[in-house]
Amino acid sequence: MRVTEIMKSEVVSVTPDTPVSGAARLMAQYNIGSLPVCLPNGRLRGLITDRDIVTRCVAAEEDAGRMTVREIMTRSVTCVSASDTSQAAARLMARKQIRRLPVTEDDGTVKGMLSLADLARAAKCESDAANALREISGNVPAVS
């Protein structure tokens, strides 16, 4: 199965100059945990996650209304192509220990988003998703 068959093609994104508070509101509104950070032409520049907001803004006691996405986004983003297989995407998620992947075109524009949940919902991909989740979750240190 190809990524294009199971990805979410309706992508909510922000620009690097979006206030962190605006990104957080979008995440809450759409019940999502990450947003691609794109230039006006749609090219990917980074990714901001709920974890980025908590660790780099809230915990650092920064002003989310004044701080921009550019200041806390993850710049080195692992992506997948729409033509890649779901198995390749699952292996990539497992290897990099990530749960969400932007789906990009050759020119770097964002075409969609693929989550571990998307893989799990696709009947043919259940074992790939389970294996990826096991790899992602298996290396998490225990909290005591």
N, C-alpha and C. Protein backbone atom coordinates (compact mmCIF):
# COMPACT_ATOMS: atom_id res chain seq x y z
N MET A 1 0.84 -1.17 0.00
CA MET A 1 0.00 0.00 0.00
C MET A 1 0.89 1.25 0.00
N ARG A 2 0.54 2.24 -0.77
CA ARG A 2 1.30 3.49 -0.87
C ARG A 2 0.84 4.50 0.18
N VAL A 3 1.77 5.35 0.59
CA VAL A 3 1.48 6.38 1.57
C VAL A 3 0.31 7.25 1.12
N THR A 4 0.24 7.56 -0.16
CA THR A 4 -0.82 8.43 -0.67
C THR A 4 -2.22 7.86 -0.42
N GLU A 5 -2.33 6.54 -0.26
CA GLU A 5 -3.62 5.91 -0.03
C GLU A 5 -4.12 6.05 1.41
N ILE A 6 -3.23 6.33 2.34
CA ILE A 6 -3.64 6.37 3.75
C ILE A 6 -3.32 7.68 4.46
N MET A 7 -2.58 8.56 3.84
CA MET A 7 -2.22 9.83 4.47
C MET A 7 -3.42 10.76 4.56
N LYS A 8 -3.31 11.75 5.42
CA LYS A 8 -4.30 12.82 5.49
C LYS A 8 -3.85 13.90 4.51
N SER A 9 -4.69 14.20 3.53
CA SER A 9 -4.29 15.18 2.53
C SER A 9 -4.73 16.60 2.89
N GLU A 10 -5.65 16.74 3.85
CA GLU A 10 -6.05 18.07 4.32
C GLU A 10 -5.07 18.46 5.42
N VAL A 11 -4.12 19.30 5.07
CA VAL A 11 -3.05 19.65 6.01
C VAL A 11 -3.27 21.05 6.57
N VAL A 12 -3.23 21.13 7.88
CA VAL A 12 -3.25 22.41 8.57
C VAL A 12 -1.79 22.75 8.83
N SER A 13 -1.36 23.93 8.43
CA SER A 13 0.04 24.31 8.61
C SER A 13 0.13 25.73 9.13
N VAL A 14 1.33 26.10 9.54
CA VAL A 14 1.61 27.46 10.00
C VAL A 14 2.85 27.96 9.28
N THR A 15 3.09 29.24 9.36
CA THR A 15 4.31 29.83 8.81
C THR A 15 5.31 30.01 9.95
N PRO A 16 6.57 30.22 9.63
CA PRO A 16 7.56 30.43 10.70
C PRO A 16 7.25 31.63 11.59
N ASP A 17 6.53 32.62 11.07
CA ASP A 17 6.23 33.83 11.84
C ASP A 17 4.95 33.75 12.66
N THR A 18 4.26 32.63 12.62
CA THR A 18 3.05 32.44 13.42
C THR A 18 3.41 32.45 14.90
N PRO A 19 2.65 33.18 15.73
CA PRO A 19 2.90 33.11 17.17
C PRO A 19 2.68 31.68 17.68
N VAL A 20 3.45 31.27 18.65
CA VAL A 20 3.31 29.94 19.23
C VAL A 20 1.88 29.73 19.74
N SER A 21 1.30 30.76 20.32
CA SER A 21 -0.07 30.65 20.82
C SER A 21 -1.05 30.33 19.69
N GLY A 22 -0.83 30.87 18.51
CA GLY A 22 -1.68 30.58 17.35
C GLY A 22 -1.54 29.13 16.92
N ALA A 23 -0.31 28.62 16.93
CA ALA A 23 -0.08 27.21 16.58
C ALA A 23 -0.78 26.31 17.59
N ALA A 24 -0.68 26.65 18.87
CA ALA A 24 -1.32 25.84 19.92
C ALA A 24 -2.84 25.84 19.74
N ARG A 25 -3.42 26.98 19.40
CA ARG A 25 -4.88 27.04 19.18
C ARG A 25 -5.29 26.16 18.01
N LEU A 26 -4.49 26.16 16.94
CA LEU A 26 -4.81 25.30 15.79
C LEU A 26 -4.74 23.83 16.17
N MET A 27 -3.73 23.46 16.94
CA MET A 27 -3.62 22.07 17.39
C MET A 27 -4.84 21.67 18.21
N ALA A 28 -5.29 22.56 19.09
CA ALA A 28 -6.46 22.27 19.92
C ALA A 28 -7.73 22.21 19.05
N GLN A 29 -7.86 23.15 18.13
CA GLN A 29 -9.05 23.20 17.27
C GLN A 29 -9.19 21.95 16.41
N TYR A 30 -8.08 21.46 15.87
CA TYR A 30 -8.13 20.31 14.96
C TYR A 30 -7.75 18.99 15.64
N ASN A 31 -7.50 19.03 16.94
CA ASN A 31 -7.15 17.85 17.72
C ASN A 31 -5.97 17.10 17.10
N ILE A 32 -4.89 17.85 16.85
CA ILE A 32 -3.68 17.28 16.27
C ILE A 32 -2.48 17.66 17.13
N GLY A 33 -1.41 16.88 17.02
CA GLY A 33 -0.24 17.10 17.86
C GLY A 33 0.94 17.72 17.17
N SER A 34 0.82 17.98 15.87
CA SER A 34 1.93 18.62 15.16
C SER A 34 1.41 19.37 13.94
N LEU A 35 2.19 20.36 13.56
CA LEU A 35 1.86 21.17 12.39
C LEU A 35 3.12 21.35 11.55
N PRO A 36 3.01 21.13 10.24
CA PRO A 36 4.15 21.48 9.39
C PRO A 36 4.30 23.00 9.35
N VAL A 37 5.53 23.44 9.33
CA VAL A 37 5.83 24.86 9.23
C VAL A 37 6.27 25.09 7.79
N CYS A 38 5.46 25.87 7.07
CA CYS A 38 5.68 26.04 5.63
C CYS A 38 5.82 27.50 5.25
N LEU A 39 6.55 27.73 4.18
CA LEU A 39 6.61 29.05 3.56
C LEU A 39 5.30 29.25 2.80
N PRO A 40 5.00 30.48 2.36
CA PRO A 40 3.76 30.71 1.61
C PRO A 40 3.61 29.84 0.36
N ASN A 41 4.73 29.40 -0.23
CA ASN A 41 4.66 28.54 -1.43
C ASN A 41 4.42 27.06 -1.08
N GLY A 42 4.27 26.76 0.22
CA GLY A 42 3.99 25.39 0.63
C GLY A 42 5.21 24.55 0.95
N ARG A 43 6.39 25.12 0.77
CA ARG A 43 7.61 24.34 1.06
C ARG A 43 7.83 24.20 2.56
N LEU A 44 8.18 23.00 2.95
CA LEU A 44 8.39 22.66 4.36
C LEU A 44 9.67 23.29 4.90
N ARG A 45 9.57 23.92 6.07
CA ARG A 45 10.72 24.53 6.72
C ARG A 45 10.96 23.92 8.09
N GLY A 46 9.97 23.24 8.63
CA GLY A 46 10.11 22.65 9.96
C GLY A 46 8.83 22.00 10.39
N LEU A 47 8.79 21.62 11.65
CA LEU A 47 7.61 20.98 12.23
C LEU A 47 7.52 21.47 13.66
N ILE A 48 6.32 21.82 14.09
CA ILE A 48 6.13 22.19 15.50
C ILE A 48 5.16 21.19 16.10
N THR A 49 5.54 20.69 17.27
CA THR A 49 4.73 19.70 17.96
C THR A 49 4.25 20.26 19.29
N ASP A 50 3.24 19.57 19.84
CA ASP A 50 2.77 19.96 21.17
C ASP A 50 3.92 19.86 22.18
N ARG A 51 4.79 18.90 21.98
CA ARG A 51 5.95 18.74 22.86
C ARG A 51 6.91 19.92 22.73
N ASP A 52 7.14 20.41 21.50
CA ASP A 52 7.98 21.61 21.32
C ASP A 52 7.42 22.78 22.12
N ILE A 53 6.11 22.95 22.06
CA ILE A 53 5.47 24.06 22.76
C ILE A 53 5.65 23.93 24.27
N VAL A 54 5.45 22.73 24.78
CA VAL A 54 5.57 22.53 26.22
C VAL A 54 7.02 22.69 26.69
N THR A 55 7.95 22.04 26.01
CA THR A 55 9.33 22.04 26.50
C THR A 55 10.11 23.31 26.17
N ARG A 56 9.85 23.91 25.02
CA ARG A 56 10.65 25.07 24.60
C ARG A 56 9.98 26.41 24.86
N CYS A 57 8.70 26.39 25.22
CA CYS A 57 8.01 27.65 25.47
C CYS A 57 7.43 27.67 26.89
N VAL A 58 6.48 26.80 27.16
CA VAL A 58 5.80 26.81 28.46
C VAL A 58 6.77 26.54 29.60
N ALA A 59 7.52 25.44 29.52
CA ALA A 59 8.45 25.09 30.60
C ALA A 59 9.57 26.12 30.74
N ALA A 60 9.90 26.79 29.67
CA ALA A 60 10.94 27.83 29.70
C ALA A 60 10.36 29.18 30.14
N GLU A 61 9.05 29.19 30.44
CA GLU A 61 8.35 30.38 30.89
C GLU A 61 8.45 31.54 29.89
N GLU A 62 8.35 31.20 28.61
CA GLU A 62 8.34 32.21 27.54
C GLU A 62 6.90 32.64 27.27
N ASP A 63 6.74 33.77 26.62
CA ASP A 63 5.43 34.30 26.26
C ASP A 63 5.00 33.72 24.92
N ALA A 64 4.02 32.82 24.93
CA ALA A 64 3.56 32.14 23.71
C ALA A 64 2.92 33.10 22.71
N GLY A 65 2.49 34.25 23.17
CA GLY A 65 1.91 35.24 22.27
C GLY A 65 2.96 36.07 21.54
N ARG A 66 4.14 36.14 22.11
CA ARG A 66 5.23 36.92 21.50
C ARG A 66 6.25 36.04 20.79
N MET A 67 6.41 34.81 21.25
CA MET A 67 7.39 33.90 20.65
C MET A 67 6.81 33.36 19.34
N THR A 68 7.65 33.23 18.32
CA THR A 68 7.18 32.71 17.04
C THR A 68 7.54 31.23 16.89
N VAL A 69 6.82 30.58 16.02
CA VAL A 69 7.05 29.18 15.71
C VAL A 69 8.51 28.96 15.31
N ARG A 70 9.07 29.87 14.54
CA ARG A 70 10.47 29.77 14.08
C ARG A 70 11.43 29.53 15.24
N GLU A 71 11.14 30.12 16.38
CA GLU A 71 12.04 30.04 17.52
C GLU A 71 12.06 28.67 18.21
N ILE A 72 11.00 27.90 18.06
CA ILE A 72 10.95 26.62 18.78
C ILE A 72 10.70 25.40 17.90
N MET A 73 10.50 25.60 16.60
CA MET A 73 10.18 24.47 15.72
C MET A 73 11.37 23.53 15.59
N THR A 74 11.06 22.31 15.23
CA THR A 74 12.09 21.34 14.89
C THR A 74 12.45 21.59 13.44
N ARG A 75 13.72 21.85 13.17
CA ARG A 75 14.14 22.22 11.82
C ARG A 75 14.51 21.01 10.96
N SER A 76 15.08 20.03 11.56
CA SER A 76 15.48 18.83 10.83
C SER A 76 14.32 17.84 10.85
N VAL A 77 13.55 17.83 9.78
CA VAL A 77 12.32 17.05 9.74
C VAL A 77 12.49 15.83 8.84
N THR A 78 12.11 14.68 9.36
CA THR A 78 12.09 13.46 8.58
C THR A 78 10.79 13.43 7.81
N CYS A 79 10.87 13.21 6.50
CA CYS A 79 9.70 13.21 5.63
C CYS A 79 9.60 11.90 4.86
N VAL A 80 8.48 11.72 4.22
CA VAL A 80 8.25 10.57 3.37
C VAL A 80 7.58 11.07 2.09
N SER A 81 7.74 10.32 1.02
CA SER A 81 7.12 10.67 -0.25
C SER A 81 5.78 9.95 -0.37
N ALA A 82 4.85 10.56 -1.08
CA ALA A 82 3.53 9.95 -1.28
C ALA A 82 3.63 8.61 -2.00
N SER A 83 4.66 8.42 -2.80
CA SER A 83 4.81 7.18 -3.55
C SER A 83 5.50 6.07 -2.75
N ASP A 84 6.03 6.41 -1.58
CA ASP A 84 6.66 5.39 -0.74
C ASP A 84 5.62 4.39 -0.24
N THR A 85 6.07 3.22 0.14
CA THR A 85 5.16 2.22 0.67
C THR A 85 4.89 2.49 2.14
N SER A 86 3.75 2.00 2.60
CA SER A 86 3.42 2.14 4.02
C SER A 86 4.43 1.39 4.88
N GLN A 87 4.96 0.27 4.36
CA GLN A 87 5.95 -0.48 5.10
C GLN A 87 7.23 0.34 5.29
N ALA A 88 7.65 1.04 4.23
CA ALA A 88 8.84 1.88 4.32
C ALA A 88 8.61 3.02 5.32
N ALA A 89 7.42 3.61 5.30
CA ALA A 89 7.09 4.68 6.24
C ALA A 89 7.11 4.17 7.67
N ALA A 90 6.54 2.99 7.90
CA ALA A 90 6.52 2.41 9.25
C ALA A 90 7.93 2.12 9.74
N ARG A 91 8.77 1.59 8.85
CA ARG A 91 10.16 1.32 9.24
C ARG A 91 10.90 2.62 9.58
N LEU A 92 10.65 3.67 8.80
CA LEU A 92 11.27 4.97 9.05
C LEU A 92 10.82 5.53 10.40
N MET A 93 9.53 5.42 10.69
CA MET A 93 9.02 5.88 11.98
C MET A 93 9.69 5.12 13.12
N ALA A 94 9.80 3.82 12.95
CA ALA A 94 10.42 2.99 13.99
C ALA A 94 11.89 3.37 14.19
N ARG A 95 12.61 3.50 13.09
CA ARG A 95 14.04 3.80 13.17
C ARG A 95 14.30 5.17 13.80
N LYS A 96 13.48 6.15 13.44
CA LYS A 96 13.67 7.52 13.94
C LYS A 96 12.90 7.78 15.24
N GLN A 97 12.09 6.82 15.66
CA GLN A 97 11.26 6.93 16.85
C GLN A 97 10.34 8.15 16.80
N ILE A 98 9.59 8.25 15.71
CA ILE A 98 8.64 9.34 15.54
C ILE A 98 7.27 8.78 15.17
N ARG A 99 6.24 9.54 15.45
CA ARG A 99 4.86 9.08 15.24
C ARG A 99 4.15 9.78 14.09
N ARG A 100 4.78 10.83 13.56
CA ARG A 100 4.15 11.60 12.49
C ARG A 100 5.18 11.97 11.43
N LEU A 101 4.77 11.89 10.17
CA LEU A 101 5.66 12.23 9.06
C LEU A 101 4.97 13.17 8.08
N PRO A 102 5.58 14.29 7.74
CA PRO A 102 5.06 15.07 6.62
C PRO A 102 5.30 14.29 5.33
N VAL A 103 4.35 14.38 4.43
CA VAL A 103 4.47 13.75 3.11
C VAL A 103 4.75 14.89 2.14
N THR A 104 5.89 14.81 1.47
CA THR A 104 6.31 15.92 0.61
C THR A 104 6.48 15.50 -0.84
N GLU A 105 6.36 16.49 -1.71
CA GLU A 105 6.67 16.33 -3.12
C GLU A 105 8.17 16.47 -3.30
N ASP A 106 8.66 16.19 -4.50
CA ASP A 106 10.09 16.31 -4.78
C ASP A 106 10.62 17.73 -4.55
N ASP A 107 9.78 18.74 -4.74
CA ASP A 107 10.22 20.13 -4.56
C ASP A 107 10.12 20.61 -3.12
N GLY A 108 9.72 19.72 -2.19
CA GLY A 108 9.65 20.08 -0.79
C GLY A 108 8.31 20.61 -0.32
N THR A 109 7.32 20.67 -1.20
CA THR A 109 6.00 21.12 -0.77
C THR A 109 5.28 20.00 -0.05
N VAL A 110 4.51 20.39 0.95
CA VAL A 110 3.79 19.41 1.76
C VAL A 110 2.52 18.99 1.04
N LYS A 111 2.37 17.68 0.90
CA LYS A 111 1.21 17.09 0.24
C LYS A 111 0.25 16.47 1.24
N GLY A 112 0.75 16.08 2.40
CA GLY A 112 -0.10 15.45 3.40
C GLY A 112 0.68 15.17 4.67
N MET A 113 0.01 14.50 5.60
CA MET A 113 0.64 14.07 6.84
C MET A 113 0.26 12.61 7.06
N LEU A 114 1.22 11.85 7.56
CA LEU A 114 1.00 10.43 7.86
C LEU A 114 1.34 10.21 9.32
N SER A 115 0.40 9.62 10.04
CA SER A 115 0.64 9.32 11.45
C SER A 115 0.65 7.82 11.67
N LEU A 116 1.17 7.43 12.79
CA LEU A 116 1.16 6.03 13.17
C LEU A 116 -0.29 5.54 13.25
N ALA A 117 -1.19 6.40 13.70
CA ALA A 117 -2.61 6.03 13.76
C ALA A 117 -3.17 5.77 12.36
N ASP A 118 -2.73 6.54 11.37
CA ASP A 118 -3.18 6.29 9.99
C ASP A 118 -2.75 4.90 9.54
N LEU A 119 -1.52 4.53 9.88
CA LEU A 119 -1.03 3.19 9.53
C LEU A 119 -1.84 2.12 10.25
N ALA A 120 -2.15 2.35 11.51
CA ALA A 120 -2.90 1.36 12.29
C ALA A 120 -4.32 1.17 11.75
N ARG A 121 -4.92 2.26 11.24
CA ARG A 121 -6.30 2.16 10.72
C ARG A 121 -6.37 1.47 9.37
N ALA A 122 -5.27 1.45 8.64
CA ALA A 122 -5.26 0.79 7.33
C ALA A 122 -5.11 -0.72 7.55
N ALA A 123 -6.10 -1.48 7.16
CA ALA A 123 -6.15 -2.92 7.45
C ALA A 123 -4.89 -3.65 7.00
N LYS A 124 -4.36 -3.33 5.85
CA LYS A 124 -3.17 -4.01 5.34
C LYS A 124 -1.90 -3.61 6.06
N CYS A 125 -1.97 -2.57 6.88
CA CYS A 125 -0.76 -2.03 7.51
C CYS A 125 -0.71 -2.29 9.01
N GLU A 126 -1.66 -3.03 9.56
CA GLU A 126 -1.73 -3.20 11.00
C GLU A 126 -0.44 -3.74 11.60
N SER A 127 0.16 -4.74 10.98
CA SER A 127 1.39 -5.30 11.56
C SER A 127 2.55 -4.32 11.45
N ASP A 128 2.60 -3.54 10.36
CA ASP A 128 3.64 -2.52 10.22
C ASP A 128 3.51 -1.48 11.33
N ALA A 129 2.27 -1.04 11.59
CA ALA A 129 2.04 -0.05 12.63
C ALA A 129 2.39 -0.61 14.00
N ALA A 130 2.00 -1.85 14.24
CA ALA A 130 2.32 -2.47 15.53
C ALA A 130 3.82 -2.58 15.73
N ASN A 131 4.53 -2.99 14.70
CA ASN A 131 5.99 -3.09 14.79
C ASN A 131 6.62 -1.73 15.03
N ALA A 132 6.14 -0.72 14.32
CA ALA A 132 6.68 0.64 14.49
C ALA A 132 6.42 1.14 15.90
N LEU A 133 5.21 0.94 16.41
CA LEU A 133 4.88 1.39 17.76
C LEU A 133 5.75 0.68 18.79
N ARG A 134 5.97 -0.59 18.60
CA ARG A 134 6.82 -1.36 19.52
C ARG A 134 8.24 -0.77 19.52
N GLU A 135 8.77 -0.45 18.33
CA GLU A 135 10.10 0.13 18.24
C GLU A 135 10.17 1.52 18.86
N ILE A 136 9.14 2.34 18.59
CA ILE A 136 9.11 3.70 19.11
C ILE A 136 9.00 3.70 20.62
N SER A 137 8.13 2.86 21.14
CA SER A 137 7.85 2.84 22.57
C SER A 137 8.83 2.01 23.37
N GLY A 138 9.51 1.07 22.72
CA GLY A 138 10.39 0.17 23.43
C GLY A 138 11.64 0.79 23.99
N ASN A 139 12.05 1.93 23.47
CA ASN A 139 13.30 2.55 23.91
C ASN A 139 13.06 3.77 24.79
N VAL A 140 11.87 3.86 25.36
CA VAL A 140 11.55 4.98 26.24
C VAL A 140 11.98 4.62 27.66
N PRO A 141 12.78 5.45 28.31
CA PRO A 141 13.20 5.14 29.66
C PRO A 141 12.02 5.18 30.63
N ALA A 142 12.04 4.30 31.60
CA ALA A 142 10.98 4.25 32.60
C ALA A 142 11.06 5.48 33.51
N VAL A 143 9.91 6.01 33.89
CA VAL A 143 9.84 7.15 34.80
C VAL A 143 9.57 6.60 36.19
N SER A 144 10.35 7.06 37.14
CA SER A 144 10.12 6.57 38.51
C SER A 144 9.83 7.69 39.47
